[in-house]
Protein backbone atom coordinates (compact mmCIF):
# COMPACT_ATOMS: atom_id res chain seq x y z
CA MET A 1 208.34 93.04 189.85
CA SER A 2 208.06 95.65 187.22
CA THR A 3 206.23 98.81 188.03
CA SER A 4 205.78 99.80 184.32
CA LYS A 5 202.83 97.15 183.47
CA ARG A 6 199.54 96.35 185.39
CA ALA A 7 199.83 95.03 188.74
CA ILE A 8 198.52 91.72 189.65
CA PRO A 9 195.15 91.59 190.01
CA ALA A 10 193.85 90.87 194.10
CA PHE A 11 190.76 88.87 194.25
CA SER A 12 189.50 87.28 197.66
CA GLN A 13 188.60 83.96 196.44
CA PRO A 14 192.09 81.76 196.55
CA MET A 15 193.41 79.99 194.38
CA ILE A 16 195.21 77.00 193.46
CA ASP A 17 197.95 76.29 190.74
CA THR A 18 197.98 72.73 189.77
CA HIS A 19 200.63 73.03 187.98
CA CYS A 20 204.36 74.39 187.94
CA HIS A 21 208.06 73.98 188.19
CA LEU A 22 208.86 75.05 191.35
CA ASP A 23 212.52 74.04 190.82
CA TYR A 24 212.73 75.75 187.30
CA LEU A 25 211.85 79.16 187.84
CA LYS A 26 215.47 80.72 188.49
CA GLU A 27 214.90 84.71 188.74
CA ARG A 28 213.74 84.26 192.55
CA PRO A 29 214.48 82.42 195.28
CA LEU A 30 211.62 80.41 196.82
CA ASP A 31 211.26 81.99 199.54
CA GLU A 32 209.87 85.08 197.70
CA LEU A 33 208.34 83.03 195.54
CA ILE A 34 206.08 81.50 198.05
CA LYS A 35 205.55 85.15 199.90
CA CYS A 36 204.54 86.25 196.11
CA ALA A 37 202.13 83.40 195.80
CA LEU A 38 200.54 84.14 199.36
CA GLU A 39 200.15 87.86 198.55
CA ALA A 40 198.49 87.03 195.44
CA ASN A 41 195.98 84.51 197.45
CA ILE A 42 196.99 81.46 195.88
CA GLN A 43 196.97 78.69 198.85
CA SER A 44 198.49 75.51 197.08
CA LEU A 45 201.42 75.16 194.15
CA ILE A 46 201.55 71.62 192.69
CA THR A 47 204.92 71.29 191.45
CA ILE A 48 205.56 68.60 188.60
CA ALA A 49 207.86 66.37 187.97
CA VAL A 50 209.10 65.56 184.57
CA SER A 51 212.09 63.50 184.12
CA PRO A 52 214.36 60.58 186.06
CA ALA A 53 216.55 63.72 187.71
CA ASN A 54 214.18 65.68 189.49
CA GLN A 55 211.92 63.07 191.32
CA GLN A 56 214.09 63.44 193.97
CA THR A 57 213.71 67.14 194.05
CA VAL A 58 210.23 67.32 193.50
CA ARG A 59 210.03 65.35 196.60
CA ASP A 60 212.06 67.31 198.32
CA LEU A 61 210.16 70.44 198.05
CA LEU A 62 207.18 68.96 199.54
CA GLN A 63 209.15 69.01 203.00
CA LEU A 64 209.67 72.96 202.27
CA HIS A 65 206.25 74.30 202.65
CA PRO A 66 202.74 73.49 204.07
CA MET A 67 201.70 74.95 200.44
CA ILE A 68 203.72 72.91 198.32
CA TYR A 69 202.39 69.55 196.65
CA GLY A 70 203.86 67.56 194.06
CA THR A 71 203.60 64.81 191.45
CA GLN A 72 206.44 61.64 189.88
CA GLY A 73 206.20 61.05 187.07
CA VAL A 74 208.22 61.35 183.31
CA HIS A 75 207.82 63.54 180.67
CA PRO A 76 207.21 62.23 176.89
CA HIS A 77 210.53 64.36 176.47
CA ASP A 78 212.60 62.14 178.55
CA ALA A 79 210.35 58.36 178.03
CA ASP A 80 213.66 57.03 176.71
CA GLN A 81 214.98 57.75 179.75
CA LEU A 82 212.59 55.67 182.21
CA THR A 83 214.16 52.57 182.82
CA GLN A 84 212.51 49.68 185.04
CA ASP A 85 214.20 51.40 188.07
CA GLY A 86 212.76 54.58 187.75
CA LEU A 87 209.48 53.38 187.06
CA ASP A 88 209.46 51.26 190.36
CA GLU A 89 211.44 54.53 192.55
CA ASN A 90 208.10 56.34 191.08
CA ARG A 91 205.77 53.63 192.36
CA ALA A 92 207.54 53.41 196.10
CA HIS A 93 207.31 56.97 196.31
CA ILE A 94 204.32 58.09 194.71
CA GLY A 95 202.10 57.08 198.05
CA LEU A 96 203.63 59.78 199.89
CA SER A 97 201.74 62.59 201.85
CA LYS A 98 201.44 65.42 199.66
CA MET A 99 202.46 63.26 196.52
CA VAL A 100 198.78 64.05 194.85
CA ALA A 101 199.00 62.66 190.99
CA VAL A 102 201.27 60.87 188.26
CA GLY A 103 202.61 62.98 185.92
CA GLU A 104 203.59 64.43 183.85
CA ILE A 105 203.15 61.91 181.42
CA GLY A 106 201.49 61.86 177.87
CA LEU A 107 202.63 61.99 174.07
CA ASP A 108 204.07 64.98 172.37
CA TYR A 109 205.11 63.86 168.54
CA HIS A 110 205.50 67.59 167.98
CA TYR A 111 209.36 67.35 169.45
CA GLU A 112 209.40 63.49 169.47
CA HIS A 113 212.41 64.37 171.61
CA SER A 114 211.89 59.80 172.60
CA PRO A 115 211.11 57.90 169.70
CA ARG A 116 206.93 57.55 169.53
CA ALA A 117 206.96 54.31 169.96
CA VAL A 118 208.48 54.18 173.38
CA GLN A 119 206.40 57.39 174.63
CA ARG A 120 203.44 55.29 174.31
CA LYS A 121 204.94 52.37 175.92
CA VAL A 122 206.15 54.82 179.27
CA PHE A 123 203.39 56.57 178.78
CA GLU A 124 200.94 53.29 179.38
CA ALA A 125 203.17 51.98 182.23
CA GLN A 126 202.82 55.09 183.95
CA LEU A 127 199.34 55.19 183.65
CA GLN A 128 198.84 51.50 184.89
CA VAL A 129 200.75 53.10 188.16
CA ALA A 130 198.27 54.91 188.45
CA VAL A 131 195.34 52.79 188.01
CA ASP A 132 197.30 50.43 191.00
CA HIS A 133 197.87 53.07 193.34
CA ASN A 134 194.29 55.20 192.63
CA LYS A 135 196.55 58.30 191.99
CA PRO A 136 194.80 61.19 189.11
CA VAL A 137 196.65 61.36 186.05
CA VAL A 138 198.47 65.15 184.72
CA ILE A 139 198.42 64.10 181.07
CA HIS A 140 200.80 66.37 178.10
CA THR A 141 199.22 65.99 174.62
CA ARG A 142 200.69 67.55 171.82
CA GLU A 143 200.06 67.11 168.05
CA ALA A 144 199.25 62.84 169.26
CA ASP A 145 195.07 63.79 169.81
CA GLU A 146 194.26 60.39 168.03
CA ASP A 147 197.21 58.46 169.71
CA THR A 148 196.56 59.89 173.76
CA ARG A 149 192.47 59.13 172.97
CA ALA A 150 192.91 55.44 172.47
CA ILE A 151 195.34 54.90 174.77
CA LEU A 152 193.08 56.38 177.32
CA ALA A 153 190.30 55.32 175.95
CA ASN A 154 191.92 51.48 176.63
CA PHE A 155 192.24 52.80 180.32
CA SER A 156 188.39 54.43 180.98
CA ARG A 157 187.20 51.44 183.07
CA ASP A 158 190.64 50.92 185.55
CA LEU A 159 191.62 54.63 185.93
CA LYS A 160 189.27 56.01 188.47
CA LYS A 161 189.98 59.17 189.52
CA ARG A 162 190.65 60.22 186.07
CA GLY A 163 193.27 64.04 185.83
CA VAL A 164 193.89 66.50 184.07
CA ILE A 165 194.59 66.86 180.29
CA HIS A 166 196.90 70.38 181.30
CA SER A 167 198.09 73.11 179.06
CA PHE A 168 194.95 72.35 176.44
CA SER A 169 195.64 73.28 173.31
CA SER A 170 194.48 69.98 171.49
CA GLY A 171 191.64 70.20 168.89
CA MET A 172 187.97 69.75 169.77
CA ALA A 173 187.57 66.37 169.42
CA LEU A 174 189.73 65.36 171.91
CA ALA A 175 188.70 67.95 174.25
CA SER A 176 185.07 66.23 173.91
CA PHE A 177 186.51 62.76 174.44
CA CYS A 178 188.46 63.93 177.61
CA LEU A 179 185.53 65.98 179.06
CA ASP A 180 183.02 63.27 178.94
CA GLU A 181 185.75 61.01 180.43
CA GLY A 182 185.48 62.87 183.12
CA TYR A 183 188.85 64.78 182.79
CA ALA A 184 189.11 68.32 184.07
CA LEU A 185 191.60 70.79 181.56
CA GLY A 186 193.87 73.02 182.81
CA PHE A 187 194.48 76.42 181.01
CA ASN A 188 197.34 78.68 181.40
CA GLY A 189 198.81 81.89 180.39
CA MET A 190 198.26 80.66 176.49
CA CYS A 191 194.13 81.86 176.74
CA THR A 192 195.52 85.56 176.83
CA PHE A 193 197.96 85.45 173.88
CA ASN A 194 196.65 87.04 170.92
CA LYS A 195 197.18 84.18 168.90
CA ALA A 196 195.37 81.72 171.30
CA ASP A 197 191.76 81.70 169.24
CA ASN A 198 192.11 77.97 169.11
CA VAL A 199 192.55 77.83 173.09
CA ARG A 200 189.70 80.19 174.03
CA GLU A 201 187.32 78.34 171.58
CA ILE A 202 187.59 75.36 173.74
CA LEU A 203 187.33 77.35 177.22
CA ARG A 204 184.17 78.20 175.74
CA TYR A 205 183.55 75.01 175.24
CA THR A 206 184.25 73.54 178.34
CA PRO A 207 182.12 72.98 181.24
CA ALA A 208 183.26 75.06 184.50
CA THR A 209 183.24 72.53 186.57
CA GLN A 210 185.90 70.72 184.67
CA ILE A 211 188.27 73.99 184.71
CA LEU A 212 191.53 74.12 186.41
CA LEU A 213 193.66 77.34 186.22
CA GLU A 214 197.47 76.20 185.96
CA THR A 215 200.85 78.77 185.13
CA ASP A 216 202.80 76.30 183.56
CA ALA A 217 205.65 78.41 185.25
CA PRO A 218 208.20 79.02 183.94
CA TYR A 219 206.69 78.96 180.54
CA LEU A 220 203.35 80.63 179.46
CA THR A 221 203.63 83.47 181.35
CA PRO A 222 200.32 85.38 180.59
CA VAL A 223 199.69 88.71 179.05
CA PRO A 224 201.20 91.37 180.51
CA TYR A 225 204.16 90.19 181.36
CA ARG A 226 205.24 87.77 178.42
CA GLY A 227 208.84 87.70 177.85
CA GLN A 228 209.52 87.45 181.22
CA GLU A 229 209.68 84.30 183.18
CA ASN A 230 206.52 82.73 184.56
CA ALA A 231 205.61 82.23 188.27
CA PRO A 232 202.62 80.95 190.87
CA PHE A 233 201.46 84.51 191.21
CA TYR A 234 200.51 85.69 187.75
CA LEU A 235 197.95 83.50 188.38
CA PRO A 236 195.19 85.94 188.95
CA PHE A 237 196.04 87.09 185.41
CA ILE A 238 194.46 83.90 184.00
CA ALA A 239 192.05 83.53 186.64
CA GLU A 240 190.70 87.34 185.06
CA LYS A 241 191.03 85.93 181.27
CA ILE A 242 189.14 82.94 182.16
CA ALA A 243 186.32 84.45 183.73
CA GLN A 244 185.70 87.05 180.99
CA ILE A 245 185.52 84.14 178.63
CA LYS A 246 183.32 82.45 180.34
CA ALA A 247 180.95 85.58 181.15
CA LEU A 248 181.23 84.74 184.21
CA THR A 249 182.12 87.13 187.63
CA ILE A 250 185.70 86.51 188.92
CA ASP A 251 184.18 85.07 192.34
CA ASP A 252 181.53 82.12 190.65
CA LEU A 253 184.46 81.36 188.99
CA LEU A 254 187.51 81.49 191.81
CA ALA A 255 184.85 79.09 194.02
CA GLN A 256 184.30 76.48 191.33
CA VAL A 257 187.68 76.06 189.82
CA TYR A 258 188.80 75.89 193.68
CA LYS A 259 186.32 73.14 194.19
CA ASN A 260 187.18 71.56 191.12
CA SER A 261 191.24 71.44 191.79
CA VAL A 262 190.69 69.95 195.95
CA THR A 263 188.62 67.46 194.46
CA VAL A 264 190.99 66.60 191.12
CA PHE A 265 193.91 66.09 193.20
CA GLY A 266 192.02 64.94 196.68
CA LEU A 267 193.86 67.65 198.77
CA HIS A 268 191.67 67.84 201.71
CA SER A 269 192.95 64.16 201.68
CA CYS A 270 196.32 65.64 202.32
CA GLY A 271 196.11 67.72 205.39
CA LYS A 272 193.86 70.74 206.19
CA TYR A 273 195.02 73.88 204.85
CA PRO A 274 196.43 75.87 208.02
CA TRP A 275 196.29 79.24 206.09
CA ALA A 276 194.60 81.68 208.07
CA GLU A 277 196.69 80.69 211.09
CA TRP A 278 200.10 80.73 208.64
CA ARG A 279 199.23 84.51 207.11
CA GLU A 280 198.63 85.52 210.50
CA THR A 281 201.96 83.80 211.78
CA ASN A 282 204.37 85.26 209.37
CA GLY A 283 202.17 88.52 209.12
CA TYR A 284 200.26 88.47 205.37
CA THR A 285 197.77 90.03 204.63
CA LEU A 286 195.51 90.40 201.88
CA ASP A 287 194.91 93.80 200.13
CA THR A 288 191.59 93.56 197.75
CA GLU A 289 190.80 97.03 197.78
């Protein structure tokens, strides 16, 4: 890591990166990423599936370290690649230990890599997987507020565990609807960008009880490391900024969002966290001086 920029803040409260893409990170090997994350007091990483090609990759990553959790789902960019066999494959694996959500699913009308009608059909099909398996969802929505709201409204009765609208940058109307429906909103490095006043406005509006921290690594690297590949160990910069925006102490914010993360994704049901023992065994200590 560069020494010319401010060091990563060290906080005593543990953190969970609720949205990253470990298989897309290229600058460091996985063991180094995990080491740096642990040193930043990040206890869990949820690595997110996005395409038919990386569902198995995510499943494999879950076996490599106790801190890694995952999802199964196809991003709207690749919606036209999801076959019935692919949907059945995801259904078959969504119940695996440490598989915590259906995602990343949703709508993206900005790029439209897949036709809108196909995106809507695939979004609905994957929401049904979440309903059938009683899993939360990780939702991507961009420039599709009205259709996202309409589709989620159709599933309001049956989707019991809700989930998160990740990397939230949509309008206030969708934010209000999703919060009222019981979804969490995920915030990442965008909240540190100079021109992201819209994201900060939504953050001020969002109750702390419905905020999740995420990096979306390798994307959306927070200031002051913007321009470099993002990584989970930059999460403290995001937490620090959100605490400032919400006028909360960092300890109060981190305690709340940790609780939110565990609740949304049911992490306690995936097993206890042996982090103190793991740190001691592997020689990691947390310096908060």
